[in-house]
Amino acid sequence: MAETVGSTTCSALVIGGSAGSLDVLLEIFPVLRNDIHFPIIIVVHRKASNESLLTDLLKSRTTLAVGEAEEKEFLMPGKVFIAPADYHTLIEEDRSISLDYSEKINYSRPSIDVTFQSAAEVFKEKLVCILLSGSNADGVEGLKSVNNYGGKVVIQNPNTAIMPYMPQQAVINVKPHVILDGHDMADYINNLND
């Protein structure tokens, strides 16, 4: 069941996931409102050889603008920015994107932690981060930062995740604001717009 957001304002939404998260994203995107007033940043572990596949799949399932994040690109409301394969995606103070090729974190580049942490520093209490299915603990440290800055932490119910390890680690180590089944994510996101 989706939590009522009330007067909370969302200035940015970051969704992170790994193995098994694509199914949830493909369930969410067809039912997202087309008047979303905040940017959505998606960080999914994937191989560089499949780089355009995620973008193409999401574009085919939403009326929102969807594209690979580019260096120095500014976050725009209503647009979906996908972290490029093999680059950490950071959010800068001026709300632009910075791409980084430094070493992998949790065996991953892009690292969900890097994006969650940098977004938390910029958007503070107006940030919402969602962690989906995955097979490592990437995202857990980032969610701790989101909590520390007063943002909202949403975790996929591990019982509904194809790969439950990532959301399980988040539930154990982070105090989530809400735990949702995959099919409830779209309603939650749409309510952030109110």
Foldseek 3Di string as FASTA:
>chain_A
DADFPPPAAAAEEEEEEEPQCLVLLLLQALPADQQFFHEYEYEYFDALVCFCVSQVSSVVRHPFAEDEADAFAATGGRYYYYDTAQWAWAQDLNRHIHTHNDDDDQNGVNFLLRHLQRVCVRCQQNYEYEYAAYATQGPQNSLQSNVVSNHAYEYEDLVQGPHSPHSVNNVVRDPHPYYHHSNCVNVNSNSSRD
